[in-house]
N, C-alpha and C. Protein backbone atom coordinates (compact mmCIF):
# COMPACT_ATOMS: atom_id res chain seq x y z
N MET A 1 0.80 -1.17 0.00
CA MET A 1 0.00 0.00 0.00
C MET A 1 0.85 1.25 0.00
N LYS A 2 0.35 2.13 -0.72
CA LYS A 2 1.03 3.39 -0.85
C LYS A 2 0.37 4.42 0.05
N SER A 3 1.18 5.15 0.81
CA SER A 3 0.59 6.21 1.63
C SER A 3 0.67 7.51 0.85
N THR A 4 -0.42 8.21 0.90
CA THR A 4 -0.45 9.48 0.17
C THR A 4 -0.35 10.62 1.17
N LYS A 5 0.32 11.61 0.77
CA LYS A 5 0.46 12.79 1.60
C LYS A 5 -0.68 13.75 1.30
N ARG A 6 -1.33 14.18 2.35
CA ARG A 6 -2.42 15.13 2.15
C ARG A 6 -1.89 16.55 2.24
N SER A 7 -2.24 17.31 1.29
CA SER A 7 -1.83 18.71 1.34
C SER A 7 -2.91 19.56 1.99
N GLN A 8 -4.12 19.03 2.11
CA GLN A 8 -5.21 19.78 2.74
C GLN A 8 -5.36 19.32 4.18
N ARG A 9 -5.56 20.29 5.04
CA ARG A 9 -5.78 19.95 6.45
C ARG A 9 -7.21 20.31 6.82
N ALA A 10 -7.83 19.51 7.59
CA ALA A 10 -9.19 19.75 8.06
C ALA A 10 -9.14 19.97 9.57
N PHE A 11 -10.25 20.51 10.11
CA PHE A 11 -10.34 20.67 11.56
C PHE A 11 -10.52 19.32 12.20
N SER A 12 -9.83 19.10 13.29
CA SER A 12 -10.05 17.87 14.03
C SER A 12 -11.29 18.03 14.91
N ILE A 13 -11.76 16.96 15.44
CA ILE A 13 -12.96 17.00 16.29
C ILE A 13 -12.69 17.80 17.57
N ILE A 14 -11.50 17.78 18.08
CA ILE A 14 -11.16 18.51 19.30
C ILE A 14 -11.16 20.02 19.02
N GLU A 15 -10.61 20.43 17.91
CA GLU A 15 -10.63 21.85 17.56
C GLU A 15 -12.06 22.34 17.37
N SER A 16 -12.90 21.52 16.77
CA SER A 16 -14.31 21.89 16.58
C SER A 16 -15.02 22.02 17.92
N MET A 17 -14.75 21.11 18.85
CA MET A 17 -15.39 21.15 20.17
C MET A 17 -14.94 22.40 20.94
N ILE A 18 -13.67 22.76 20.84
CA ILE A 18 -13.17 23.95 21.52
C ILE A 18 -13.87 25.20 20.96
N ALA A 19 -14.02 25.25 19.65
CA ALA A 19 -14.70 26.38 19.03
C ALA A 19 -16.15 26.47 19.49
N VAL A 20 -16.85 25.34 19.61
CA VAL A 20 -18.24 25.33 20.07
C VAL A 20 -18.33 25.78 21.52
N VAL A 21 -17.39 25.36 22.36
CA VAL A 21 -17.38 25.76 23.78
C VAL A 21 -17.16 27.26 23.89
N ILE A 22 -16.21 27.82 23.14
CA ILE A 22 -15.96 29.26 23.19
C ILE A 22 -17.17 30.04 22.69
N LEU A 23 -17.80 29.59 21.62
CA LEU A 23 -19.01 30.23 21.11
C LEU A 23 -20.14 30.17 22.14
N GLY A 24 -20.29 29.02 22.79
CA GLY A 24 -21.33 28.86 23.82
C GLY A 24 -21.11 29.80 24.99
N MET A 25 -19.85 29.97 25.41
CA MET A 25 -19.55 30.89 26.52
C MET A 25 -19.89 32.33 26.12
N GLY A 26 -19.64 32.70 24.89
CA GLY A 26 -19.98 34.03 24.41
C GLY A 26 -21.48 34.25 24.41
N ILE A 27 -22.25 33.25 23.99
CA ILE A 27 -23.72 33.36 23.96
C ILE A 27 -24.27 33.48 25.37
N VAL A 28 -23.74 32.68 26.30
CA VAL A 28 -24.20 32.74 27.69
C VAL A 28 -23.90 34.12 28.29
N ALA A 29 -22.74 34.68 27.98
CA ALA A 29 -22.40 36.01 28.49
C ALA A 29 -23.36 37.06 27.94
N MET A 30 -23.69 36.97 26.67
CA MET A 30 -24.63 37.93 26.07
C MET A 30 -26.02 37.80 26.68
N LEU A 31 -26.47 36.59 26.94
CA LEU A 31 -27.78 36.38 27.53
C LEU A 31 -27.82 36.87 28.98
N GLY A 32 -26.69 36.87 29.66
CA GLY A 32 -26.62 37.37 31.03
C GLY A 32 -26.83 38.87 31.11
N ILE A 33 -26.57 39.58 30.04
CA ILE A 33 -26.72 41.04 30.02
C ILE A 33 -28.18 41.45 29.81
N LEU A 34 -28.97 40.62 29.16
CA LEU A 34 -30.35 40.98 28.83
C LEU A 34 -31.21 41.37 30.02
N PRO A 35 -31.22 40.62 31.13
CA PRO A 35 -32.05 41.06 32.27
C PRO A 35 -31.65 42.44 32.80
N LEU A 36 -30.37 42.76 32.76
CA LEU A 36 -29.93 44.08 33.21
C LEU A 36 -30.47 45.18 32.31
N SER A 37 -30.49 44.94 31.01
CA SER A 37 -31.00 45.96 30.10
C SER A 37 -32.50 46.14 30.27
N PHE A 38 -33.23 45.05 30.55
CA PHE A 38 -34.66 45.16 30.81
C PHE A 38 -34.90 45.97 32.08
N SER A 39 -34.09 45.74 33.10
CA SER A 39 -34.22 46.47 34.36
C SER A 39 -33.95 47.95 34.15
N ASP A 40 -32.92 48.28 33.37
CA ASP A 40 -32.61 49.68 33.09
C ASP A 40 -33.74 50.36 32.34
N THR A 41 -34.34 49.65 31.39
CA THR A 41 -35.45 50.21 30.63
C THR A 41 -36.64 50.49 31.55
N ASN A 42 -36.92 49.58 32.47
CA ASN A 42 -38.02 49.76 33.42
C ASN A 42 -37.73 50.95 34.34
N MET A 43 -36.48 51.11 34.77
CA MET A 43 -36.13 52.24 35.63
C MET A 43 -36.27 53.56 34.87
N ASP A 44 -35.89 53.59 33.60
CA ASP A 44 -36.07 54.79 32.80
C ASP A 44 -37.56 55.13 32.68
N SER A 45 -38.38 54.11 32.53
CA SER A 45 -39.82 54.31 32.45
C SER A 45 -40.35 54.94 33.74
N GLN A 46 -39.86 54.48 34.87
CA GLN A 46 -40.30 55.04 36.15
C GLN A 46 -39.84 56.49 36.32
N HIS A 47 -38.65 56.82 35.83
CA HIS A 47 -38.19 58.21 35.88
C HIS A 47 -39.09 59.12 35.03
N VAL A 48 -39.49 58.63 33.87
CA VAL A 48 -40.39 59.41 33.01
C VAL A 48 -41.74 59.59 33.70
N GLN A 49 -42.24 58.53 34.34
CA GLN A 49 -43.51 58.63 35.08
C GLN A 49 -43.39 59.66 36.21
N ALA A 50 -42.26 59.62 36.94
CA ALA A 50 -42.05 60.55 38.05
C ALA A 50 -41.98 61.99 37.53
N LEU A 51 -41.30 62.18 36.43
CA LEU A 51 -41.19 63.52 35.84
C LEU A 51 -42.56 64.03 35.42
N SER A 52 -43.36 63.17 34.80
CA SER A 52 -44.70 63.56 34.36
C SER A 52 -45.60 63.90 35.55
N ALA A 53 -45.57 63.06 36.58
CA ALA A 53 -46.40 63.30 37.77
C ALA A 53 -45.95 64.57 38.49
N GLY A 54 -44.64 64.79 38.57
CA GLY A 54 -44.11 65.99 39.21
C GLY A 54 -44.47 67.25 38.45
N GLN A 55 -44.42 67.19 37.12
CA GLN A 55 -44.80 68.35 36.31
C GLN A 55 -46.28 68.66 36.47
N ALA A 56 -47.12 67.62 36.53
CA ALA A 56 -48.56 67.83 36.73
C ALA A 56 -48.81 68.51 38.07
N TYR A 57 -48.08 68.08 39.11
CA TYR A 57 -48.24 68.71 40.42
C TYR A 57 -47.71 70.14 40.41
N MET A 58 -46.60 70.37 39.69
CA MET A 58 -46.07 71.72 39.58
C MET A 58 -47.07 72.64 38.88
N ASP A 59 -47.81 72.10 37.92
CA ASP A 59 -48.87 72.89 37.27
C ASP A 59 -49.97 73.25 38.27
N GLN A 60 -50.33 72.32 39.16
CA GLN A 60 -51.32 72.62 40.19
C GLN A 60 -50.83 73.77 41.07
N ILE A 61 -49.55 73.74 41.43
CA ILE A 61 -48.97 74.81 42.26
C ILE A 61 -48.99 76.14 41.50
N ARG A 62 -48.64 76.08 40.23
CA ARG A 62 -48.61 77.28 39.40
C ARG A 62 -50.00 77.91 39.32
N TYR A 63 -51.03 77.07 39.09
CA TYR A 63 -52.41 77.58 39.05
C TYR A 63 -52.81 78.19 40.39
N TYR A 64 -52.40 77.55 41.46
CA TYR A 64 -52.74 78.03 42.80
C TYR A 64 -52.12 79.40 43.06
N ILE A 65 -50.84 79.53 42.72
CA ILE A 65 -50.13 80.79 42.98
C ILE A 65 -50.69 81.92 42.10
N LYS A 66 -51.01 81.59 40.85
CA LYS A 66 -51.54 82.63 39.95
C LYS A 66 -53.00 82.96 40.25
N GLY A 67 -53.66 82.14 41.07
CA GLY A 67 -55.06 82.39 41.39
C GLY A 67 -56.00 81.86 40.33
N ASP A 68 -55.51 80.99 39.45
CA ASP A 68 -56.35 80.42 38.40
C ASP A 68 -56.96 79.08 38.81
N ALA A 69 -56.79 78.74 40.06
CA ALA A 69 -57.30 77.44 40.50
C ALA A 69 -58.82 77.43 40.46
N PRO A 70 -59.42 76.27 40.19
CA PRO A 70 -60.88 76.19 40.13
C PRO A 70 -61.55 76.60 41.44
N THR A 71 -60.83 76.52 42.56
CA THR A 71 -61.43 76.86 43.85
C THR A 71 -61.53 78.37 44.04
N GLY A 72 -60.90 79.13 43.14
CA GLY A 72 -60.97 80.59 43.25
C GLY A 72 -60.09 81.14 44.34
N SER A 73 -59.01 80.43 44.66
CA SER A 73 -58.12 80.90 45.73
C SER A 73 -57.43 82.19 45.30
N PRO A 74 -57.14 83.09 46.23
CA PRO A 74 -56.47 84.34 45.88
C PRO A 74 -55.06 84.07 45.38
N ALA A 75 -54.60 84.90 44.49
CA ALA A 75 -53.29 84.71 43.87
C ALA A 75 -52.17 84.75 44.89
N GLY A 76 -51.38 83.69 44.91
CA GLY A 76 -50.15 83.67 45.68
C GLY A 76 -50.28 83.48 47.18
N TYR A 77 -51.47 83.30 47.70
CA TYR A 77 -51.60 83.22 49.16
C TYR A 77 -52.37 82.01 49.59
N PRO A 78 -51.93 81.31 50.62
CA PRO A 78 -50.58 81.35 51.18
C PRO A 78 -49.73 80.26 50.52
N VAL A 79 -48.48 80.52 50.28
CA VAL A 79 -47.61 79.50 49.68
C VAL A 79 -47.18 78.47 50.71
N SER A 80 -47.42 78.74 51.97
CA SER A 80 -47.09 77.75 53.00
C SER A 80 -48.09 76.60 53.00
N VAL A 81 -49.25 76.79 52.39
CA VAL A 81 -50.27 75.75 52.32
C VAL A 81 -50.55 75.49 50.84
N LEU A 82 -49.68 74.73 50.20
CA LEU A 82 -49.83 74.44 48.78
C LEU A 82 -50.88 73.35 48.58
N PRO A 83 -51.46 73.25 47.39
CA PRO A 83 -52.50 72.24 47.16
C PRO A 83 -51.96 70.82 47.36
N THR A 84 -52.85 69.95 47.81
CA THR A 84 -52.48 68.55 48.03
C THR A 84 -52.47 67.82 46.68
N PRO A 85 -51.38 67.11 46.40
CA PRO A 85 -51.32 66.41 45.10
C PRO A 85 -52.23 65.19 45.09
N LYS A 86 -52.69 64.84 43.90
CA LYS A 86 -53.47 63.62 43.74
C LYS A 86 -52.53 62.42 43.81
N PRO A 87 -52.96 61.31 44.44
CA PRO A 87 -52.07 60.14 44.49
C PRO A 87 -51.85 59.56 43.10
N VAL A 88 -50.60 59.21 42.81
CA VAL A 88 -50.24 58.63 41.52
C VAL A 88 -49.45 57.35 41.79
N ALA A 89 -49.92 56.23 41.23
CA ALA A 89 -49.25 54.95 41.43
C ALA A 89 -48.10 54.79 40.43
N VAL A 90 -47.05 54.13 40.88
CA VAL A 90 -45.91 53.83 40.02
C VAL A 90 -46.24 52.59 39.21
N ASP A 91 -46.10 52.67 37.88
CA ASP A 91 -46.28 51.51 37.03
C ASP A 91 -44.98 50.71 37.07
N MET A 92 -45.05 49.51 37.65
CA MET A 92 -43.84 48.70 37.83
C MET A 92 -43.39 48.02 36.54
N GLY A 93 -44.19 48.06 35.49
CA GLY A 93 -43.80 47.43 34.24
C GLY A 93 -44.11 45.95 34.23
N GLU A 94 -43.61 45.27 33.22
CA GLU A 94 -43.82 43.83 33.10
C GLU A 94 -42.64 43.08 33.66
N THR A 95 -42.84 41.82 33.95
CA THR A 95 -41.74 40.99 34.41
C THR A 95 -40.77 40.80 33.27
N ILE A 96 -39.54 40.47 33.60
CA ILE A 96 -38.53 40.32 32.55
C ILE A 96 -38.73 39.05 31.75
N PHE A 97 -39.64 38.19 32.19
CA PHE A 97 -39.86 36.94 31.46
C PHE A 97 -40.86 37.11 30.33
N GLY A 98 -41.44 38.30 30.20
CA GLY A 98 -42.33 38.58 29.08
C GLY A 98 -43.68 37.91 29.18
N THR A 99 -44.15 37.63 30.40
CA THR A 99 -45.44 36.99 30.55
C THR A 99 -46.59 37.97 30.39
N GLY A 100 -46.28 39.25 30.43
CA GLY A 100 -47.32 40.27 30.32
C GLY A 100 -47.97 40.59 31.65
N GLN A 101 -47.57 39.90 32.72
CA GLN A 101 -48.13 40.19 34.03
C GLN A 101 -47.30 41.28 34.70
N ALA A 102 -47.97 42.11 35.47
CA ALA A 102 -47.27 43.20 36.15
C ALA A 102 -46.28 42.64 37.16
N ALA A 103 -45.18 43.34 37.33
CA ALA A 103 -44.18 42.94 38.31
C ALA A 103 -44.77 43.08 39.72
N ASN A 104 -44.23 42.32 40.64
CA ASN A 104 -44.72 42.35 42.01
C ASN A 104 -44.43 43.70 42.67
N GLY A 105 -45.33 44.10 43.54
CA GLY A 105 -45.12 45.30 44.33
C GLY A 105 -45.92 46.48 43.81
N THR A 106 -46.31 47.33 44.73
CA THR A 106 -47.00 48.57 44.37
C THR A 106 -46.34 49.69 45.14
N SER A 107 -46.37 50.84 44.56
CA SER A 107 -45.77 52.01 45.19
C SER A 107 -46.45 53.25 44.64
N ASN A 108 -46.51 54.28 45.43
CA ASN A 108 -47.04 55.57 45.00
C ASN A 108 -45.92 56.59 45.01
N PHE A 109 -46.05 57.58 44.15
CA PHE A 109 -45.12 58.69 44.18
C PHE A 109 -45.47 59.57 45.38
N THR A 110 -44.46 60.09 46.05
CA THR A 110 -44.63 61.02 47.16
C THR A 110 -44.10 62.37 46.71
N PHE A 111 -44.87 63.43 46.95
CA PHE A 111 -44.50 64.77 46.51
C PHE A 111 -44.18 65.64 47.72
N VAL A 112 -43.07 66.34 47.68
CA VAL A 112 -42.71 67.30 48.72
C VAL A 112 -42.50 68.65 48.03
N PRO A 113 -43.49 69.57 48.18
CA PRO A 113 -43.38 70.87 47.52
C PRO A 113 -42.71 71.91 48.43
N SER A 114 -42.17 72.92 47.78
CA SER A 114 -41.59 74.03 48.52
C SER A 114 -41.59 75.25 47.60
N CYS A 115 -42.12 76.38 48.09
CA CYS A 115 -42.11 77.63 47.34
C CYS A 115 -41.60 78.74 48.24
N THR A 116 -40.66 79.51 47.72
CA THR A 116 -40.11 80.64 48.46
C THR A 116 -40.26 81.90 47.63
N ALA A 117 -40.68 82.96 48.30
CA ALA A 117 -40.83 84.25 47.61
C ALA A 117 -39.46 84.77 47.20
N VAL A 118 -39.42 85.35 45.99
CA VAL A 118 -38.18 85.92 45.46
C VAL A 118 -38.43 87.42 45.28
N GLY A 119 -37.56 88.22 45.80
CA GLY A 119 -37.72 89.67 45.65
C GLY A 119 -38.65 90.26 46.70
N ALA A 120 -38.70 91.58 46.72
CA ALA A 120 -39.49 92.29 47.72
C ALA A 120 -40.97 92.33 47.40
N SER A 121 -41.33 92.15 46.14
CA SER A 121 -42.73 92.30 45.74
C SER A 121 -43.61 91.12 46.17
N ALA A 122 -43.02 89.98 46.50
CA ALA A 122 -43.74 88.76 46.87
C ALA A 122 -44.72 88.32 45.77
N LEU A 123 -44.40 88.66 44.53
CA LEU A 123 -45.22 88.22 43.40
C LEU A 123 -44.51 87.13 42.59
N GLU A 124 -43.28 86.83 42.95
CA GLU A 124 -42.50 85.82 42.25
C GLU A 124 -42.04 84.77 43.25
N PHE A 125 -42.04 83.52 42.80
CA PHE A 125 -41.72 82.41 43.68
C PHE A 125 -40.79 81.42 42.99
N ASP A 126 -39.87 80.88 43.77
CA ASP A 126 -39.01 79.80 43.30
C ASP A 126 -39.58 78.52 43.92
N CYS A 127 -40.17 77.67 43.08
CA CYS A 127 -40.86 76.48 43.58
C CYS A 127 -40.08 75.21 43.20
N THR A 128 -40.10 74.25 44.12
CA THR A 128 -39.44 72.97 43.92
C THR A 128 -40.40 71.86 44.34
N VAL A 129 -40.45 70.81 43.55
CA VAL A 129 -41.21 69.61 43.90
C VAL A 129 -40.24 68.44 43.85
N THR A 130 -40.10 67.75 44.98
CA THR A 130 -39.28 66.54 45.02
C THR A 130 -40.22 65.34 44.96
N VAL A 131 -40.03 64.51 43.94
CA VAL A 131 -40.85 63.32 43.76
C VAL A 131 -40.03 62.12 44.22
N SER A 132 -40.59 61.32 45.13
CA SER A 132 -39.90 60.14 45.64
C SER A 132 -40.76 58.91 45.45
N TRP A 133 -40.12 57.75 45.28
CA TRP A 133 -40.81 56.48 45.18
C TRP A 133 -39.85 55.36 45.51
N THR A 134 -40.41 54.20 45.83
CA THR A 134 -39.60 53.04 46.19
C THR A 134 -39.99 51.87 45.30
N THR A 135 -39.00 51.24 44.71
CA THR A 135 -39.22 50.00 43.95
C THR A 135 -38.13 49.01 44.32
N LYS A 136 -38.54 47.79 44.53
CA LYS A 136 -37.61 46.71 44.88
C LYS A 136 -36.72 47.10 46.06
N ASN A 137 -37.32 47.69 47.08
CA ASN A 137 -36.64 48.12 48.30
C ASN A 137 -35.54 49.15 48.05
N MET A 138 -35.63 49.87 46.96
CA MET A 138 -34.67 50.93 46.67
C MET A 138 -35.43 52.25 46.55
N ALA A 139 -34.91 53.27 47.23
CA ALA A 139 -35.54 54.59 47.20
C ALA A 139 -34.98 55.40 46.02
N HIS A 140 -35.88 56.12 45.33
CA HIS A 140 -35.50 56.96 44.21
C HIS A 140 -36.14 58.33 44.41
N SER A 141 -35.51 59.36 43.88
CA SER A 141 -36.13 60.68 43.94
C SER A 141 -35.71 61.51 42.74
N LEU A 142 -36.53 62.51 42.46
CA LEU A 142 -36.34 63.38 41.32
C LEU A 142 -36.79 64.77 41.73
N LYS A 143 -36.03 65.79 41.39
CA LYS A 143 -36.37 67.16 41.79
C LYS A 143 -36.74 67.98 40.55
N ILE A 144 -37.86 68.71 40.67
CA ILE A 144 -38.34 69.57 39.59
C ILE A 144 -38.40 70.99 40.15
N GLU A 145 -37.81 71.93 39.43
CA GLU A 145 -37.80 73.32 39.87
C GLU A 145 -38.47 74.21 38.83
N SER A 146 -39.13 75.24 39.30
CA SER A 146 -39.80 76.17 38.40
C SER A 146 -39.88 77.54 39.04
N TYR A 147 -39.82 78.55 38.21
CA TYR A 147 -39.99 79.92 38.65
C TYR A 147 -41.42 80.32 38.32
N VAL A 148 -42.18 80.75 39.32
CA VAL A 148 -43.60 81.06 39.14
C VAL A 148 -43.82 82.52 39.52
N THR A 149 -44.58 83.21 38.69
CA THR A 149 -44.91 84.60 38.98
C THR A 149 -46.42 84.78 38.88
N THR A 150 -46.95 85.70 39.68
CA THR A 150 -48.39 85.96 39.64
C THR A 150 -48.70 86.98 38.57
N GLU A 151 -47.69 87.61 38.03
CA GLU A 151 -47.92 88.60 36.98
C GLU A 151 -48.18 87.90 35.64
N THR A 152 -49.04 88.50 34.84
CA THR A 152 -49.33 87.90 33.54
C THR A 152 -48.61 88.60 32.43
């Protein structure tokens, strides 16, 4: 028998298995990142909700100070007794498993308003609303500031 020399080389089974193992480790690492990205997206959604709820409450304060409130309150008085905000629930989003069911837990946004007169005329106010909420035993807060004047 004559032995022939091969000029072409093929992958051995061991080289193929090593390549599959390395590829598998890469896929597992990529899949490990997905839950974190879902969590970040949900947290961004909660920040947008907090900003929207805080802006709505800031509008209530603005109407109160300008005297445009439906209750007919006098303009700008008293800023020490600002209107009570309506309760707003935090939308916790969906579970990361994509079942469409809401995530466990409920929480409401908490509003802490503050208005200080600016200048001697007491017709201008620097108002701040701090919006706080808790999700997954973590406290979050967002501050909204606005300059409000009773002059039109």
